[in-house]
Amino acid sequence: MEIPDDGVRIDTGYLVKVPVRWSDMDVFQHINHARMVTLIEEARIPWLFYDERPTAPLRDGCVVVDLHVKYQAQLRHDQGPIEVLMYLEKLRSVDFVVGYEVRAAGADPASKPAVVASTQLASFDISTQRPRRMTDAEKDYLREFLRQA
């Protein structure tokens, strides 16, 4: 499947390809663990902030509350652009948890991910610098990607 530069909605979530820069590689010739956090953030941006619907994405702001990353296999620079599948694990009125599966370019979507991660994000009012309740449109958008446990 060809993945557009801004990602694509699929049955299991939202899939984005993220270019791997030479500077993302470490001395052991694989993607550095700290850079992986940046790469999954870069995957999240087109999904949550630039969807075609102007009222649904979280353009009004959100902040990372918690982050977990589990490295299960190496990813090398030459295996890019990496493919990041994102979905929702939990949705509440102020916050939500995004799950990630990261694979090498062209990897079988059913294969074991090289990296699995999750981030808890809280909707945030930038002008007041306080958490805020999500709008119904935001929750409806996110609900489309909710995976049942």
N, C-alpha and C. Protein backbone atom coordinates (compact mmCIF):
# COMPACT_ATOMS: atom_id res chain seq x y z
N MET A 1 0.83 -1.17 0.00
CA MET A 1 0.00 0.00 0.00
C MET A 1 0.89 1.25 0.00
N GLU A 2 0.55 2.19 -0.85
CA GLU A 2 1.27 3.45 -0.88
C GLU A 2 0.69 4.37 0.19
N ILE A 3 1.55 4.90 1.02
CA ILE A 3 1.11 5.78 2.11
C ILE A 3 1.38 7.22 1.68
N PRO A 4 0.35 8.06 1.60
CA PRO A 4 0.58 9.47 1.26
C PRO A 4 1.46 10.14 2.31
N ASP A 5 2.10 11.24 1.93
CA ASP A 5 2.99 11.94 2.85
C ASP A 5 2.31 12.38 4.14
N ASP A 6 1.00 12.66 4.08
CA ASP A 6 0.31 13.11 5.29
C ASP A 6 -0.42 11.97 6.00
N GLY A 7 -0.18 10.73 5.59
CA GLY A 7 -0.76 9.58 6.26
C GLY A 7 -2.07 9.14 5.64
N VAL A 8 -2.56 8.02 6.14
CA VAL A 8 -3.79 7.45 5.60
C VAL A 8 -4.54 6.73 6.72
N ARG A 9 -5.85 6.86 6.68
CA ARG A 9 -6.72 6.15 7.62
C ARG A 9 -6.86 4.71 7.11
N ILE A 10 -6.64 3.74 7.99
CA ILE A 10 -6.84 2.34 7.65
C ILE A 10 -7.72 1.70 8.72
N ASP A 11 -8.10 0.44 8.51
CA ASP A 11 -9.02 -0.23 9.45
C ASP A 11 -8.50 -0.25 10.89
N THR A 12 -7.18 -0.35 11.06
CA THR A 12 -6.62 -0.51 12.39
C THR A 12 -6.10 0.78 13.00
N GLY A 13 -6.28 1.92 12.33
CA GLY A 13 -5.81 3.19 12.87
C GLY A 13 -5.43 4.17 11.80
N TYR A 14 -4.40 4.95 12.07
CA TYR A 14 -3.92 5.96 11.14
C TYR A 14 -2.45 5.66 10.89
N LEU A 15 -2.06 5.52 9.63
CA LEU A 15 -0.71 5.11 9.26
C LEU A 15 0.03 6.26 8.59
N VAL A 16 1.22 6.57 9.11
CA VAL A 16 2.04 7.66 8.60
C VAL A 16 3.44 7.14 8.33
N LYS A 17 4.04 7.57 7.23
CA LYS A 17 5.46 7.27 7.01
C LYS A 17 6.26 8.49 7.42
N VAL A 18 7.34 8.24 8.15
CA VAL A 18 8.16 9.32 8.68
C VAL A 18 9.59 9.14 8.18
N PRO A 19 10.11 10.15 7.48
CA PRO A 19 11.50 10.06 7.00
C PRO A 19 12.47 9.94 8.17
N VAL A 20 13.51 9.16 7.96
CA VAL A 20 14.57 9.00 8.96
C VAL A 20 15.78 9.79 8.47
N ARG A 21 16.22 10.72 9.29
CA ARG A 21 17.38 11.55 8.93
C ARG A 21 18.67 10.87 9.37
N TRP A 22 19.75 11.22 8.73
CA TRP A 22 21.06 10.68 9.09
C TRP A 22 21.32 10.96 10.57
N SER A 23 20.92 12.13 11.05
CA SER A 23 21.17 12.51 12.45
C SER A 23 20.33 11.70 13.44
N ASP A 24 19.34 10.93 12.96
CA ASP A 24 18.54 10.08 13.85
C ASP A 24 19.27 8.79 14.21
N MET A 25 20.35 8.50 13.50
CA MET A 25 21.08 7.26 13.72
C MET A 25 22.13 7.47 14.82
N ASP A 26 22.40 6.42 15.58
CA ASP A 26 23.42 6.54 16.62
C ASP A 26 24.69 5.80 16.19
N VAL A 27 25.65 5.75 17.08
CA VAL A 27 26.94 5.15 16.78
C VAL A 27 26.83 3.65 16.44
N PHE A 28 25.75 3.00 16.87
CA PHE A 28 25.55 1.58 16.60
C PHE A 28 24.79 1.34 15.29
N GLN A 29 24.57 2.41 14.53
CA GLN A 29 23.95 2.38 13.20
C GLN A 29 22.47 2.00 13.22
N HIS A 30 21.81 2.25 14.33
CA HIS A 30 20.36 2.12 14.33
C HIS A 30 19.76 3.43 14.85
N ILE A 31 18.45 3.57 14.70
CA ILE A 31 17.80 4.81 15.13
C ILE A 31 17.93 4.93 16.64
N ASN A 32 18.44 6.07 17.07
CA ASN A 32 18.66 6.33 18.49
C ASN A 32 17.34 6.31 19.25
N HIS A 33 17.38 5.77 20.46
CA HIS A 33 16.16 5.62 21.26
C HIS A 33 15.47 6.97 21.52
N ALA A 34 16.22 7.99 21.82
CA ALA A 34 15.62 9.30 22.09
C ALA A 34 15.05 9.92 20.82
N ARG A 35 15.69 9.68 19.69
CA ARG A 35 15.19 10.21 18.42
C ARG A 35 13.89 9.52 18.02
N MET A 36 13.70 8.28 18.47
CA MET A 36 12.45 7.57 18.16
C MET A 36 11.26 8.32 18.75
N VAL A 37 11.43 8.91 19.92
CA VAL A 37 10.35 9.69 20.53
C VAL A 37 9.99 10.87 19.62
N THR A 38 10.98 11.51 19.05
CA THR A 38 10.74 12.62 18.12
C THR A 38 10.04 12.12 16.86
N LEU A 39 10.44 10.97 16.36
CA LEU A 39 9.84 10.43 15.13
C LEU A 39 8.37 10.07 15.34
N ILE A 40 8.02 9.51 16.50
CA ILE A 40 6.60 9.21 16.72
C ILE A 40 5.80 10.51 16.92
N GLU A 41 6.43 11.52 17.47
CA GLU A 41 5.77 12.82 17.57
C GLU A 41 5.51 13.37 16.17
N GLU A 42 6.48 13.25 15.28
CA GLU A 42 6.30 13.72 13.91
C GLU A 42 5.19 12.96 13.20
N ALA A 43 4.98 11.71 13.54
CA ALA A 43 3.88 10.93 12.97
C ALA A 43 2.54 11.43 13.50
N ARG A 44 2.50 11.79 14.76
CA ARG A 44 1.25 12.19 15.41
C ARG A 44 0.72 13.52 14.87
N ILE A 45 1.58 14.42 14.46
CA ILE A 45 1.17 15.76 14.05
C ILE A 45 0.18 15.75 12.89
N PRO A 46 0.45 15.07 11.76
CA PRO A 46 -0.55 15.12 10.68
C PRO A 46 -1.88 14.46 11.06
N TRP A 47 -1.83 13.48 11.93
CA TRP A 47 -3.05 12.78 12.33
C TRP A 47 -3.94 13.65 13.21
N LEU A 48 -3.37 14.26 14.23
CA LEU A 48 -4.19 14.99 15.20
C LEU A 48 -4.40 16.47 14.89
N PHE A 49 -3.54 17.05 14.06
CA PHE A 49 -3.62 18.49 13.86
C PHE A 49 -3.95 18.93 12.44
N TYR A 50 -3.80 18.03 11.47
CA TYR A 50 -3.97 18.48 10.09
C TYR A 50 -4.95 17.63 9.30
N ASP A 51 -5.87 16.97 9.94
CA ASP A 51 -6.91 16.23 9.24
C ASP A 51 -7.71 17.22 8.40
N GLU A 52 -8.39 16.70 7.39
CA GLU A 52 -9.14 17.56 6.46
C GLU A 52 -10.32 18.28 7.12
N ARG A 53 -10.76 17.84 8.29
CA ARG A 53 -11.90 18.48 8.95
C ARG A 53 -11.41 19.55 9.92
N PRO A 54 -11.75 20.80 9.69
CA PRO A 54 -11.19 21.87 10.53
C PRO A 54 -11.66 21.87 11.98
N THR A 55 -12.79 21.25 12.29
CA THR A 55 -13.28 21.29 13.67
C THR A 55 -12.84 20.10 14.50
N ALA A 56 -12.41 19.01 13.85
CA ALA A 56 -12.16 17.78 14.60
C ALA A 56 -10.79 17.68 15.25
N PRO A 57 -9.71 17.93 14.54
CA PRO A 57 -8.40 17.72 15.17
C PRO A 57 -8.16 18.67 16.34
N LEU A 58 -7.14 18.38 17.07
CA LEU A 58 -6.87 19.11 18.31
C LEU A 58 -5.97 20.31 18.07
N ARG A 59 -6.38 21.16 17.16
CA ARG A 59 -5.59 22.35 16.84
C ARG A 59 -5.55 23.35 17.98
N ASP A 60 -6.53 23.28 18.86
CA ASP A 60 -6.57 24.23 19.98
C ASP A 60 -5.54 23.91 21.05
N GLY A 61 -4.90 22.75 20.94
CA GLY A 61 -3.81 22.45 21.84
C GLY A 61 -3.98 21.17 22.63
N CYS A 62 -2.87 20.50 22.82
CA CYS A 62 -2.80 19.37 23.74
C CYS A 62 -1.35 19.21 24.17
N VAL A 63 -1.15 18.60 25.32
CA VAL A 63 0.19 18.41 25.87
C VAL A 63 0.38 16.94 26.24
N VAL A 64 1.63 16.50 26.17
CA VAL A 64 1.97 15.13 26.57
C VAL A 64 2.01 15.07 28.09
N VAL A 65 1.30 14.09 28.64
CA VAL A 65 1.25 13.89 30.08
C VAL A 65 2.13 12.71 30.49
N ASP A 66 2.17 11.68 29.65
CA ASP A 66 2.91 10.46 29.97
C ASP A 66 3.38 9.82 28.68
N LEU A 67 4.50 9.11 28.74
CA LEU A 67 5.09 8.48 27.56
C LEU A 67 5.74 7.16 27.95
N HIS A 68 5.45 6.12 27.17
CA HIS A 68 6.08 4.81 27.36
C HIS A 68 6.55 4.31 26.01
N VAL A 69 7.78 3.80 25.95
CA VAL A 69 8.32 3.27 24.71
C VAL A 69 8.99 1.94 25.01
N LYS A 70 8.67 0.94 24.19
CA LYS A 70 9.31 -0.37 24.31
C LYS A 70 9.97 -0.71 22.98
N TYR A 71 11.27 -0.92 23.04
CA TYR A 71 12.06 -1.24 21.85
C TYR A 71 12.17 -2.75 21.74
N GLN A 72 11.63 -3.31 20.67
CA GLN A 72 11.58 -4.77 20.50
C GLN A 72 12.55 -5.27 19.43
N ALA A 73 13.01 -4.37 18.58
CA ALA A 73 13.97 -4.73 17.53
C ALA A 73 14.63 -3.44 17.04
N GLN A 74 15.76 -3.58 16.39
CA GLN A 74 16.45 -2.43 15.83
C GLN A 74 15.73 -1.91 14.59
N LEU A 75 15.85 -0.64 14.37
CA LEU A 75 15.48 -0.03 13.09
C LEU A 75 16.69 0.76 12.64
N ARG A 76 17.09 0.56 11.40
CA ARG A 76 18.26 1.24 10.85
C ARG A 76 17.84 2.37 9.92
N HIS A 77 18.75 3.27 9.68
CA HIS A 77 18.51 4.40 8.80
C HIS A 77 18.03 3.94 7.43
N ASP A 78 18.62 2.87 6.90
CA ASP A 78 18.26 2.40 5.56
C ASP A 78 16.90 1.69 5.52
N GLN A 79 16.24 1.54 6.65
CA GLN A 79 14.91 0.93 6.69
C GLN A 79 13.80 1.98 6.68
N GLY A 80 14.17 3.22 6.47
CA GLY A 80 13.19 4.29 6.43
C GLY A 80 12.66 4.52 5.03
N PRO A 81 11.61 5.30 4.92
CA PRO A 81 10.94 5.96 6.03
C PRO A 81 10.19 4.93 6.88
N ILE A 82 10.26 5.12 8.19
CA ILE A 82 9.56 4.19 9.07
C ILE A 82 8.05 4.38 8.92
N GLU A 83 7.30 3.34 9.24
CA GLU A 83 5.85 3.39 9.18
C GLU A 83 5.30 3.32 10.59
N VAL A 84 4.52 4.33 10.95
CA VAL A 84 3.99 4.45 12.31
C VAL A 84 2.48 4.32 12.24
N LEU A 85 1.96 3.26 12.86
CA LEU A 85 0.52 3.06 12.97
C LEU A 85 0.08 3.58 14.33
N MET A 86 -0.92 4.46 14.33
CA MET A 86 -1.42 5.06 15.56
C MET A 86 -2.90 4.74 15.72
N TYR A 87 -3.32 4.59 16.96
CA TYR A 87 -4.71 4.29 17.29
C TYR A 87 -4.96 4.78 18.71
N LEU A 88 -6.20 4.82 19.10
CA LEU A 88 -6.54 5.26 20.45
C LEU A 88 -6.74 4.07 21.38
N GLU A 89 -6.09 4.11 22.54
CA GLU A 89 -6.27 3.08 23.56
C GLU A 89 -7.32 3.48 24.58
N LYS A 90 -7.44 4.78 24.85
CA LYS A 90 -8.37 5.26 25.88
C LYS A 90 -8.78 6.69 25.52
N LEU A 91 -10.05 7.01 25.81
CA LEU A 91 -10.57 8.35 25.56
C LEU A 91 -11.41 8.78 26.76
N ARG A 92 -11.06 9.93 27.33
CA ARG A 92 -11.84 10.51 28.41
C ARG A 92 -12.16 11.96 28.05
N SER A 93 -12.78 12.69 28.94
CA SER A 93 -13.24 14.04 28.59
C SER A 93 -12.11 15.06 28.41
N VAL A 94 -10.99 14.86 29.09
CA VAL A 94 -9.88 15.80 29.01
C VAL A 94 -8.64 15.18 28.39
N ASP A 95 -8.50 13.87 28.47
CA ASP A 95 -7.28 13.25 27.97
C ASP A 95 -7.57 11.98 27.18
N PHE A 96 -6.53 11.50 26.50
CA PHE A 96 -6.63 10.28 25.70
C PHE A 96 -5.25 9.66 25.59
N VAL A 97 -5.22 8.36 25.28
CA VAL A 97 -3.97 7.63 25.15
C VAL A 97 -3.85 7.12 23.73
N VAL A 98 -2.73 7.48 23.09
CA VAL A 98 -2.43 7.05 21.73
C VAL A 98 -1.47 5.87 21.80
N GLY A 99 -1.78 4.80 21.08
CA GLY A 99 -0.87 3.67 20.94
C GLY A 99 -0.16 3.77 19.60
N TYR A 100 1.07 3.26 19.55
CA TYR A 100 1.90 3.31 18.34
C TYR A 100 2.50 1.94 18.07
N GLU A 101 2.58 1.59 16.81
CA GLU A 101 3.35 0.44 16.34
C GLU A 101 4.26 0.97 15.24
N VAL A 102 5.57 0.78 15.41
CA VAL A 102 6.55 1.32 14.46
C VAL A 102 7.24 0.15 13.76
N ARG A 103 7.23 0.23 12.42
CA ARG A 103 7.85 -0.81 11.59
C ARG A 103 8.73 -0.18 10.53
N ALA A 104 9.62 -0.99 9.96
CA ALA A 104 10.46 -0.56 8.84
C ALA A 104 9.58 -0.32 7.62
N ALA A 105 10.07 0.46 6.69
CA ALA A 105 9.36 0.73 5.44
C ALA A 105 9.02 -0.58 4.75
N GLY A 106 7.76 -0.70 4.35
CA GLY A 106 7.33 -1.87 3.59
C GLY A 106 7.14 -3.14 4.40
N ALA A 107 7.28 -3.08 5.72
CA ALA A 107 7.11 -4.27 6.55
C ALA A 107 5.65 -4.73 6.49
N ASP A 108 5.46 -6.01 6.66
CA ASP A 108 4.12 -6.58 6.71
C ASP A 108 3.39 -5.96 7.91
N PRO A 109 2.21 -5.38 7.68
CA PRO A 109 1.48 -4.77 8.80
C PRO A 109 1.14 -5.74 9.93
N ALA A 110 1.14 -7.03 9.64
CA ALA A 110 0.86 -8.03 10.67
C ALA A 110 2.13 -8.47 11.41
N SER A 111 3.29 -8.00 10.97
CA SER A 111 4.54 -8.40 11.61
C SER A 111 4.70 -7.71 12.96
N LYS A 112 5.56 -8.30 13.79
CA LYS A 112 5.83 -7.72 15.11
C LYS A 112 6.47 -6.34 14.93
N PRO A 113 5.93 -5.31 15.58
CA PRO A 113 6.53 -3.98 15.47
C PRO A 113 7.91 -3.93 16.11
N ALA A 114 8.79 -3.11 15.55
CA ALA A 114 10.11 -2.91 16.14
C ALA A 114 10.01 -2.08 17.41
N VAL A 115 9.03 -1.19 17.44
CA VAL A 115 8.81 -0.33 18.60
C VAL A 115 7.31 -0.25 18.87
N VAL A 116 6.92 -0.36 20.12
CA VAL A 116 5.55 -0.08 20.54
C VAL A 116 5.65 1.03 21.58
N ALA A 117 4.68 1.94 21.54
CA ALA A 117 4.73 3.07 22.44
C ALA A 117 3.32 3.54 22.76
N SER A 118 3.22 4.38 23.77
CA SER A 118 1.96 5.04 24.06
C SER A 118 2.26 6.41 24.65
N THR A 119 1.39 7.35 24.33
CA THR A 119 1.46 8.68 24.94
C THR A 119 0.08 9.04 25.45
N GLN A 120 0.04 9.55 26.66
CA GLN A 120 -1.20 10.13 27.19
C GLN A 120 -1.12 11.61 26.90
N LEU A 121 -2.15 12.13 26.25
CA LEU A 121 -2.21 13.54 25.89
C LEU A 121 -3.43 14.16 26.56
N ALA A 122 -3.28 15.38 27.04
CA ALA A 122 -4.41 16.11 27.62
C ALA A 122 -4.71 17.30 26.73
N SER A 123 -6.01 17.53 26.48
CA SER A 123 -6.39 18.72 25.73
C SER A 123 -6.06 19.93 26.58
N PHE A 124 -5.63 20.99 25.94
CA PHE A 124 -5.04 22.11 26.66
C PHE A 124 -5.43 23.42 26.01
N ASP A 125 -5.80 24.38 26.83
CA ASP A 125 -6.12 25.73 26.34
C ASP A 125 -4.84 26.55 26.42
N ILE A 126 -4.29 26.87 25.28
CA ILE A 126 -3.02 27.57 25.24
C ILE A 126 -3.13 28.97 25.83
N SER A 127 -4.26 29.65 25.62
CA SER A 127 -4.41 31.03 26.10
C SER A 127 -4.47 31.11 27.63
N THR A 128 -5.09 30.11 28.28
CA THR A 128 -5.19 30.13 29.74
C THR A 128 -4.13 29.26 30.41
N GLN A 129 -3.42 28.46 29.59
CA GLN A 129 -2.41 27.53 30.10
C GLN A 129 -2.99 26.56 31.12
N ARG A 130 -4.19 26.03 30.77
CA ARG A 130 -4.88 25.08 31.64
C ARG A 130 -5.47 23.95 30.79
N PRO A 131 -5.63 22.78 31.40
CA PRO A 131 -6.34 21.71 30.70
C PRO A 131 -7.78 22.15 30.40
N ARG A 132 -8.35 21.56 29.37
CA ARG A 132 -9.72 21.89 28.99
C ARG A 132 -10.45 20.61 28.59
N ARG A 133 -11.76 20.64 28.63
CA ARG A 133 -12.56 19.52 28.14
C ARG A 133 -12.54 19.55 26.61
N MET A 134 -12.47 18.38 26.03
CA MET A 134 -12.50 18.30 24.58
C MET A 134 -13.91 18.59 24.07
N THR A 135 -13.98 19.12 22.88
CA THR A 135 -15.28 19.37 22.26
C THR A 135 -15.86 18.04 21.79
N ASP A 136 -17.16 18.03 21.53
CA ASP A 136 -17.79 16.82 20.99
C ASP A 136 -17.17 16.44 19.66
N ALA A 137 -16.84 17.42 18.83
CA ALA A 137 -16.23 17.14 17.52
C ALA A 137 -14.87 16.46 17.70
N GLU A 138 -14.08 16.94 18.65
CA GLU A 138 -12.76 16.33 18.91
C GLU A 138 -12.92 14.89 19.38
N LYS A 139 -13.84 14.67 20.32
CA LYS A 139 -14.06 13.32 20.84
C LYS A 139 -14.60 12.39 19.75
N ASP A 140 -15.50 12.90 18.92
CA ASP A 140 -16.03 12.09 17.82
C ASP A 140 -14.92 11.68 16.86
N TYR A 141 -14.04 12.61 16.55
CA TYR A 141 -12.91 12.31 15.66
C TYR A 141 -12.02 11.22 16.27
N LEU A 142 -11.65 11.40 17.52
CA LEU A 142 -10.77 10.44 18.18
C LEU A 142 -11.44 9.07 18.33
N ARG A 143 -12.72 9.07 18.60
CA ARG A 143 -13.47 7.82 18.80
C ARG A 143 -13.37 6.91 17.56
N GLU A 144 -13.20 7.50 16.39
CA GLU A 144 -13.07 6.72 15.16
C GLU A 144 -11.86 5.80 15.18
N PHE A 145 -10.87 6.11 16.02
CA PHE A 145 -9.62 5.35 16.07
C PHE A 145 -9.48 4.51 17.35
N LEU A 146 -10.55 4.42 18.13
CA LEU A 146 -10.52 3.70 19.40
C LEU A 146 -10.49 2.20 19.16
N ARG A 147 -9.50 1.54 19.73
CA ARG A 147 -9.40 0.07 19.68
C ARG A 147 -10.00 -0.48 20.95
N GLN A 148 -10.85 -1.47 20.79
CA GLN A 148 -11.43 -2.13 21.95
C GLN A 148 -10.43 -3.12 22.53
N ALA A 149 -10.24 -3.09 23.83
CA ALA A 149 -9.27 -3.97 24.50
C ALA A 149 -9.71 -5.40 24.51
